[in-house]
Amino acid sequence: MSNEPLQRIFIVDDDADVRDSLQWLLASVGLHAVTYETAQEFLDKCPVDARGCILMDVRMPGMSGLRAQKALAGRNINLPLIMISGHADVDMAVTAMTQGALTFLQKPFNDKTLIDHVQQALVQDQNSWRHAATMRNVHCDYQRLTKRERQVFEGVVVGQANQDIADHLGISRKTVEGHRSHMMAKMQVSSLSELIQMSVALGLVTKFGQN
């Protein structure tokens, strides 16, 4: 999708040689990387709308990779994380994975292996971004419905026929059909199954079922 924001790889490592070599390697396959010497610098400078993934050393002076990982959620940074570890840091890297890291790579790592993992992380980020964009659109479409259209929406997704909805709301079946048509158009769906999927995505199925 041409309107998707640029994906970048955020390299966080206190070793300048590692940062430079990783940036060069990623650039060689057409990927844009930015580097940070410390975890705190990354947390302070990472854009709020960042897209891509993070390559972070697990052991760094000051804030460690593990502490930085815990701080990501508080900064609303939800990028896939690949942890980089030395030979003595495997236990720490495993801990990072239990905290949600995508994977860890032990130094020294194979260039192709690194690129493969980065590509996988970028695909995950892309899928997450597209899902979030879809959900924003669904919520926006739902907010555009009138009160009466939402009532018809509720009746439709719990399986009520147009006449049943009309009787419940005290309006004519023809009026219900009009509201239903407008509601389906605003929700950008053409079938009941699509509408039910939207209801599930909005978290409304349980709510409707309790009414």
C-alpha atoms as a PDB file:
ATOM      1  CA  MET A   1       0.000   0.000   0.000  1.00  0.00           C
ATOM      2  CA  SER A   2       1.618   3.207  -1.208  1.00  0.00           C
ATOM      3  CA  ASN A   3       0.197   5.338   1.620  1.00  0.00           C
ATOM      4  CA  GLU A   4       1.747   3.243   4.366  1.00  0.00           C
ATOM      5  CA  PRO A   5       4.411   5.022   6.462  1.00  0.00           C
ATOM      6  CA  LEU A   6       8.062   4.162   5.865  1.00  0.00           C
ATOM      7  CA  GLN A   7       9.353   1.194   7.803  1.00  0.00           C
ATOM      8  CA  ARG A   8      12.704   1.615   9.515  1.00  0.00           C
ATOM      9  CA  ILE A   9      14.939  -0.653  11.546  1.00  0.00           C
ATOM     10  CA  PHE A  10      15.904   0.943  14.855  1.00  0.00           C
ATOM     11  CA  ILE A  11      19.337  -0.357  15.881  1.00  0.00           C
ATOM     12  CA  VAL A  12      20.139   0.077  19.582  1.00  0.00           C
ATOM     13  CA  ASP A  13      23.670  -1.000  20.558  1.00  0.00           C
ATOM     14  CA  ASP A  14      26.466   0.651  22.529  1.00  0.00           C
ATOM     15  CA  ASP A  15      29.101  -0.787  20.145  1.00  0.00           C
ATOM     16  CA  ALA A  16      29.698   1.666  17.294  1.00  0.00           C
ATOM     17  CA  ASP A  17      31.178  -1.029  15.067  1.00  0.00           C
ATOM     18  CA  VAL A  18      28.085  -3.187  15.486  1.00  0.00           C
ATOM     19  CA  ARG A  19      25.788  -0.257  14.732  1.00  0.00           C
ATOM     20  CA  ASP A  20      27.716   0.668  11.601  1.00  0.00           C
ATOM     21  CA  SER A  21      27.977  -2.887  10.285  1.00  0.00           C
ATOM     22  CA  LEU A  22      24.282  -3.578  10.862  1.00  0.00           C
ATOM     23  CA  GLN A  23      23.267  -0.313   9.211  1.00  0.00           C
ATOM     24  CA  TRP A  24      25.460  -1.083   6.207  1.00  0.00           C
ATOM     25  CA  LEU A  25      24.157  -4.652   5.923  1.00  0.00           C
ATOM     26  CA  LEU A  26      20.528  -3.555   6.003  1.00  0.00           C
ATOM     27  CA  ALA A  27      21.185  -0.757   3.518  1.00  0.00           C
ATOM     28  CA  SER A  28      22.715  -3.327   1.148  1.00  0.00           C
ATOM     29  CA  VAL A  29      19.290  -4.974   0.814  1.00  0.00           C
ATOM     30  CA  GLY A  30      17.377  -1.720   0.532  1.00  0.00           C
ATOM     31  CA  LEU A  31      16.313  -1.325   4.163  1.00  0.00           C
ATOM     32  CA  HIS A  32      16.519   1.986   6.004  1.00  0.00           C
ATOM     33  CA  ALA A  33      18.068   1.825   9.465  1.00  0.00           C
ATOM     34  CA  VAL A  34      18.694   4.425  12.153  1.00  0.00           C
ATOM     35  CA  THR A  35      21.058   3.881  15.080  1.00  0.00           C
ATOM     36  CA  TYR A  36      21.128   4.730  18.769  1.00  0.00           C
ATOM     37  CA  GLU A  37      23.994   4.306  21.220  1.00  0.00           C
ATOM     38  CA  THR A  38      21.821   3.825  24.290  1.00  0.00           C
ATOM     39  CA  ALA A  39      18.365   2.509  25.065  1.00  0.00           C
ATOM     40  CA  GLN A  40      17.440   5.798  26.721  1.00  0.00           C
ATOM     41  CA  GLU A  41      18.348   7.726  23.571  1.00  0.00           C
ATOM     42  CA  PHE A  42      16.119   5.439  21.537  1.00  0.00           C
ATOM     43  CA  LEU A  43      13.196   5.790  23.953  1.00  0.00           C
ATOM     44  CA  ASP A  44      13.573   9.576  23.951  1.00  0.00           C
ATOM     45  CA  LYS A  45      13.881   9.966  20.184  1.00  0.00           C
ATOM     46  CA  CYS A  46      11.731   7.198  18.708  1.00  0.00           C
ATOM     47  CA  PRO A  47       8.870   8.816  16.736  1.00  0.00           C
ATOM     48  CA  VAL A  48       5.393   8.210  18.151  1.00  0.00           C
ATOM     49  CA  ASP A  49       4.247   6.916  14.751  1.00  0.00           C
ATOM     50  CA  ALA A  50       7.299   4.704  14.203  1.00  0.00           C
ATOM     51  CA  ARG A  51       6.951   1.759  11.819  1.00  0.00           C
ATOM     52  CA  GLY A  52       9.369  -1.114  11.342  1.00  0.00           C
ATOM     53  CA  CYS A  53      11.212  -3.128  13.990  1.00  0.00           C
ATOM     54  CA  ILE A  54      13.869  -2.853  16.700  1.00  0.00           C
ATOM     55  CA  LEU A  55      17.277  -4.541  16.851  1.00  0.00           C
ATOM     56  CA  MET A  56      18.438  -4.111  20.434  1.00  0.00           C
ATOM     57  CA  ASP A  57      21.448  -5.380  22.362  1.00  0.00           C
ATOM     58  CA  VAL A  58      20.365  -7.080  25.566  1.00  0.00           C
ATOM     59  CA  ARG A  59      23.371  -5.885  27.606  1.00  0.00           C
ATOM     60  CA  MET A  60      24.250  -2.178  27.481  1.00  0.00           C
ATOM     61  CA  PRO A  61      25.631   0.380  29.938  1.00  0.00           C
ATOM     62  CA  GLY A  62      22.918   2.304  31.742  1.00  0.00           C
ATOM     63  CA  MET A  63      19.530   0.984  30.715  1.00  0.00           C
ATOM     64  CA  SER A  64      19.718  -2.657  29.623  1.00  0.00           C
ATOM     65  CA  GLY A  65      17.774  -4.118  26.749  1.00  0.00           C
ATOM     66  CA  LEU A  66      15.447  -5.863  29.202  1.00  0.00           C
ATOM     67  CA  ARG A  67      14.628  -2.633  31.045  1.00  0.00           C
ATOM     68  CA  ALA A  68      14.123  -0.840  27.747  1.00  0.00           C
ATOM     69  CA  GLN A  69      11.793  -3.594  26.578  1.00  0.00           C
ATOM     70  CA  LYS A  70       9.599  -3.084  29.644  1.00  0.00           C
ATOM     71  CA  ALA A  71       9.573   0.659  28.973  1.00  0.00           C
ATOM     72  CA  LEU A  72       8.389   0.296  25.369  1.00  0.00           C
ATOM     73  CA  ALA A  73       4.734  -0.197  26.257  1.00  0.00           C
ATOM     74  CA  GLY A  74       4.769   2.864  28.493  1.00  0.00           C
ATOM     75  CA  ARG A  75       6.017   4.902  25.541  1.00  0.00           C
ATOM     76  CA  ASN A  76       3.366   3.324  23.285  1.00  0.00           C
ATOM     77  CA  ILE A  77       6.071   1.770  21.087  1.00  0.00           C
ATOM     78  CA  ASN A  78       4.643  -1.478  19.729  1.00  0.00           C
ATOM     79  CA  LEU A  79       7.286  -2.474  17.208  1.00  0.00           C
ATOM     80  CA  PRO A  80       8.489  -6.084  16.825  1.00  0.00           C
ATOM     81  CA  LEU A  81      11.678  -6.511  18.850  1.00  0.00           C
ATOM     82  CA  ILE A  82      14.682  -8.634  17.911  1.00  0.00           C
ATOM     83  CA  MET A  83      17.086  -8.938  20.808  1.00  0.00           C
ATOM     84  CA  ILE A  84      20.820  -9.271  20.137  1.00  0.00           C
ATOM     85  CA  SER A  85      22.863 -11.168  22.695  1.00  0.00           C
ATOM     86  CA  GLY A  86      26.431 -12.175  23.389  1.00  0.00           C
ATOM     87  CA  HIS A  87      27.476 -15.680  24.354  1.00  0.00           C
ATOM     88  CA  ALA A  88      26.948 -14.988  28.055  1.00  0.00           C
ATOM     89  CA  ASP A  89      23.582 -13.299  27.601  1.00  0.00           C
ATOM     90  CA  VAL A  90      21.422 -16.176  26.364  1.00  0.00           C
ATOM     91  CA  ASP A  91      19.417 -16.409  29.604  1.00  0.00           C
ATOM     92  CA  MET A  92      18.684 -12.686  29.401  1.00  0.00           C
ATOM     93  CA  ALA A  93      17.627 -13.039  25.783  1.00  0.00           C
ATOM     94  CA  VAL A  94      15.279 -15.890  26.651  1.00  0.00           C
ATOM     95  CA  THR A  95      13.765 -13.650  29.310  1.00  0.00           C
ATOM     96  CA  ALA A  96      13.292 -11.000  26.652  1.00  0.00           C
ATOM     97  CA  MET A  97      11.368 -13.485  24.524  1.00  0.00           C
ATOM     98  CA  THR A  98       9.078 -14.389  27.414  1.00  0.00           C
ATOM     99  CA  GLN A  99       8.397 -10.649  27.694  1.00  0.00           C
ATOM    100  CA  GLY A 100       7.322 -10.493  24.064  1.00  0.00           C
ATOM    101  CA  ALA A 101      10.455 -10.191  21.942  1.00  0.00           C
ATOM    102  CA  LEU A 102      10.049 -11.722  18.498  1.00  0.00           C
ATOM    103  CA  THR A 103      13.341 -13.612  18.722  1.00  0.00           C
ATOM    104  CA  PHE A 104      16.968 -13.227  19.739  1.00  0.00           C
ATOM    105  CA  LEU A 105      20.146 -13.516  17.724  1.00  0.00           C
ATOM    106  CA  GLN A 106      23.375 -14.581  19.326  1.00  0.00           C
ATOM    107  CA  LYS A 107      26.590 -12.817  18.315  1.00  0.00           C
ATOM    108  CA  PRO A 108      28.238 -13.394  15.968  1.00  0.00           C
ATOM    109  CA  PHE A 109      25.249 -13.999  13.704  1.00  0.00           C
ATOM    110  CA  ASN A 110      24.958 -14.932  10.052  1.00  0.00           C
ATOM    111  CA  ASP A 111      24.072 -11.998   7.798  1.00  0.00           C
ATOM    112  CA  LYS A 112      21.345 -13.901   5.956  1.00  0.00           C
ATOM    113  CA  THR A 113      19.822 -15.095   9.212  1.00  0.00           C
ATOM    114  CA  LEU A 114      19.681 -11.528  10.479  1.00  0.00           C
ATOM    115  CA  ILE A 115      18.086 -10.235   7.295  1.00  0.00           C
ATOM    116  CA  ASP A 116      15.532 -13.061   7.294  1.00  0.00           C
ATOM    117  CA  HIS A 117      14.481 -12.256  10.863  1.00  0.00           C
ATOM    118  CA  VAL A 118      14.283  -8.547  10.106  1.00  0.00           C
ATOM    119  CA  GLN A 119      12.110  -9.220   7.055  1.00  0.00           C
ATOM    120  CA  GLN A 120       9.803 -11.380   9.166  1.00  0.00           C
ATOM    121  CA  ALA A 121       9.573  -8.620  11.763  1.00  0.00           C
ATOM    122  CA  LEU A 122       8.727  -6.071   9.078  1.00  0.00           C
ATOM    123  CA  VAL A 123       5.945  -8.304   7.754  1.00  0.00           C
ATOM    124  CA  GLN A 124       4.555  -8.608  11.284  1.00  0.00           C
ATOM    125  CA  ASP A 125       4.691  -4.838  11.691  1.00  0.00           C
ATOM    126  CA  GLN A 126       2.976  -4.350   8.340  1.00  0.00           C
ATOM    127  CA  ASN A 127       0.176  -6.743   9.263  1.00  0.00           C
ATOM    128  CA  SER A 128      -0.289  -5.067  12.637  1.00  0.00           C
ATOM    129  CA  TRP A 129      -0.399  -1.617  11.025  1.00  0.00           C
ATOM    130  CA  ARG A 130      -2.951  -2.698   8.434  1.00  0.00           C
ATOM    131  CA  HIS A 131      -5.125  -4.336  11.084  1.00  0.00           C
ATOM    132  CA  ALA A 132      -5.004  -1.200  13.231  1.00  0.00           C
ATOM    133  CA  ALA A 133      -5.850   0.958  10.208  1.00  0.00           C
ATOM    134  CA  THR A 134      -8.804  -1.301   9.389  1.00  0.00           C
ATOM    135  CA  MET A 135     -10.050  -1.124  12.976  1.00  0.00           C
ATOM    136  CA  ARG A 136      -9.812   2.666  12.965  1.00  0.00           C
ATOM    137  CA  ASN A 137     -11.924   2.732   9.809  1.00  0.00           C
ATOM    138  CA  VAL A 138     -14.494   0.338  11.289  1.00  0.00           C
ATOM    139  CA  HIS A 139     -14.827   2.450  14.445  1.00  0.00           C
ATOM    140  CA  CYS A 140     -15.105   5.602  12.343  1.00  0.00           C
ATOM    141  CA  ASP A 141     -17.840   4.050  10.194  1.00  0.00           C
ATOM    142  CA  TYR A 142     -19.755   2.910  13.288  1.00  0.00           C
ATOM    143  CA  GLN A 143     -19.579   6.379  14.833  1.00  0.00           C
ATOM    144  CA  ARG A 144     -21.230   7.775  11.691  1.00  0.00           C
ATOM    145  CA  LEU A 145     -24.378   5.728  12.285  1.00  0.00           C
ATOM    146  CA  THR A 146     -27.434   7.475  13.666  1.00  0.00           C
ATOM    147  CA  LYS A 147     -29.033   6.223  16.874  1.00  0.00           C
ATOM    148  CA  ARG A 148     -31.764   4.463  14.899  1.00  0.00           C
ATOM    149  CA  GLU A 149     -29.237   2.884  12.509  1.00  0.00           C
ATOM    150  CA  ARG A 150     -27.309   1.515  15.486  1.00  0.00           C
ATOM    151  CA  GLN A 151     -30.524   0.018  16.833  1.00  0.00           C
ATOM    152  CA  VAL A 152     -31.137  -1.670  13.495  1.00  0.00           C
ATOM    153  CA  PHE A 153     -27.473  -2.799  13.433  1.00  0.00           C
ATOM    154  CA  GLU A 154     -28.010  -4.395  16.849  1.00  0.00           C
ATOM    155  CA  GLY A 155     -31.128  -6.217  15.734  1.00  0.00           C
ATOM    156  CA  VAL A 156     -29.592  -7.480  12.516  1.00  0.00           C
ATOM    157  CA  VAL A 157     -26.438  -8.950  14.085  1.00  0.00           C
ATOM    158  CA  VAL A 158     -28.417 -10.886  16.716  1.00  0.00           C
ATOM    159  CA  GLY A 159     -30.507 -12.467  13.971  1.00  0.00           C
ATOM    160  CA  GLN A 160     -33.740 -10.481  14.123  1.00  0.00           C
ATOM    161  CA  ALA A 161     -35.835 -10.205  10.962  1.00  0.00           C
ATOM    162  CA  ASN A 162     -36.766  -6.754   9.697  1.00  0.00           C
ATOM    163  CA  GLN A 163     -40.340  -7.163  10.978  1.00  0.00           C
ATOM    164  CA  ASP A 164     -39.115  -8.180  14.433  1.00  0.00           C
ATOM    165  CA  ILE A 165     -36.886  -5.093  14.539  1.00  0.00           C
ATOM    166  CA  ALA A 166     -39.788  -2.936  13.404  1.00  0.00           C
ATOM    167  CA  ASP A 167     -42.068  -4.331  16.125  1.00  0.00           C
ATOM    168  CA  HIS A 168     -39.408  -3.844  18.778  1.00  0.00           C
ATOM    169  CA  LEU A 169     -38.714  -0.241  17.754  1.00  0.00           C
ATOM    170  CA  GLY A 170     -42.325   0.661  17.048  1.00  0.00           C
ATOM    171  CA  ILE A 171     -41.699   1.683  13.442  1.00  0.00           C
ATOM    172  CA  SER A 172     -42.706   0.277  10.086  1.00  0.00           C
ATOM    173  CA  ARG A 173     -40.874  -2.524   8.323  1.00  0.00           C
ATOM    174  CA  LYS A 174     -40.252  -0.223   5.372  1.00  0.00           C
ATOM    175  CA  THR A 175     -38.569   2.289   7.675  1.00  0.00           C
ATOM    176  CA  VAL A 176     -36.380  -0.484   9.085  1.00  0.00           C
ATOM    177  CA  GLU A 177     -35.418  -1.517   5.566  1.00  0.00           C
ATOM    178  CA  GLY A 178     -34.379   2.069   4.818  1.00  0.00           C
ATOM    179  CA  HIS A 179     -32.298   2.332   7.973  1.00  0.00           C
ATOM    180  CA  ARG A 180     -30.753  -1.060   7.255  1.00  0.00           C
ATOM    181  CA  SER A 181     -29.758  -0.019   3.751  1.00  0.00           C
ATOM    182  CA  HIS A 182     -28.168   3.215   4.995  1.00  0.00           C
ATOM    183  CA  MET A 183     -26.433   1.384   7.839  1.00  0.00           C
ATOM    184  CA  MET A 184     -24.930  -1.248   5.527  1.00  0.00           C
ATOM    185  CA  ALA A 185     -23.707   1.478   3.157  1.00  0.00           C
ATOM    186  CA  LYS A 186     -22.080   3.457   5.974  1.00  0.00           C
ATOM    187  CA  MET A 187     -20.416   0.308   7.344  1.00  0.00           C
ATOM    188  CA  GLN A 188     -19.197  -0.486   3.817  1.00  0.00           C
ATOM    189  CA  VAL A 189     -20.486  -4.057   3.875  1.00  0.00           C
ATOM    190  CA  SER A 190     -22.687  -5.983   1.466  1.00  0.00           C
ATOM    191  CA  SER A 191     -23.566  -9.084   3.470  1.00  0.00           C
ATOM    192  CA  LEU A 192     -24.758 -10.137   6.918  1.00  0.00           C
ATOM    193  CA  SER A 193     -21.579 -12.153   7.511  1.00  0.00           C
ATOM    194  CA  GLU A 194     -19.427  -9.056   6.925  1.00  0.00           C
ATOM    195  CA  LEU A 195     -21.600  -7.050   9.305  1.00  0.00           C
ATOM    196  CA  ILE A 196     -21.279  -9.714  11.999  1.00  0.00           C
ATOM    197  CA  GLN A 197     -17.497  -9.685  11.539  1.00  0.00           C
ATOM    198  CA  MET A 198     -17.547  -5.916  12.056  1.00  0.00           C
ATOM    199  CA  SER A 199     -19.676  -6.384  15.180  1.00  0.00           C
ATOM    200  CA  VAL A 200     -17.152  -8.884  16.553  1.00  0.00           C
ATOM    201  CA  ALA A 201     -14.271  -6.510  15.745  1.00  0.00           C
ATOM    202  CA  LEU A 202     -16.049  -3.691  17.557  1.00  0.00           C
ATOM    203  CA  GLY A 203     -16.630  -5.910  20.595  1.00  0.00           C
ATOM    204  CA  LEU A 204     -20.405  -5.501  20.313  1.00  0.00           C
ATOM    205  CA  VAL A 205     -21.566  -9.119  19.961  1.00  0.00           C
ATOM    206  CA  THR A 206     -21.422  -9.891  23.704  1.00  0.00           C
ATOM    207  CA  LYS A 207     -23.032  -6.576  24.539  1.00  0.00           C
ATOM    208  CA  PHE A 208     -25.875  -7.138  22.093  1.00  0.00           C
ATOM    209  CA  GLY A 209     -26.370 -10.693  23.257  1.00  0.00           C
ATOM    210  CA  GLN A 210     -26.942  -9.475  26.817  1.00  0.00           C
ATOM    211  CA  ASN A 211     -29.718  -7.065  25.839  1.00  0.00           C
END
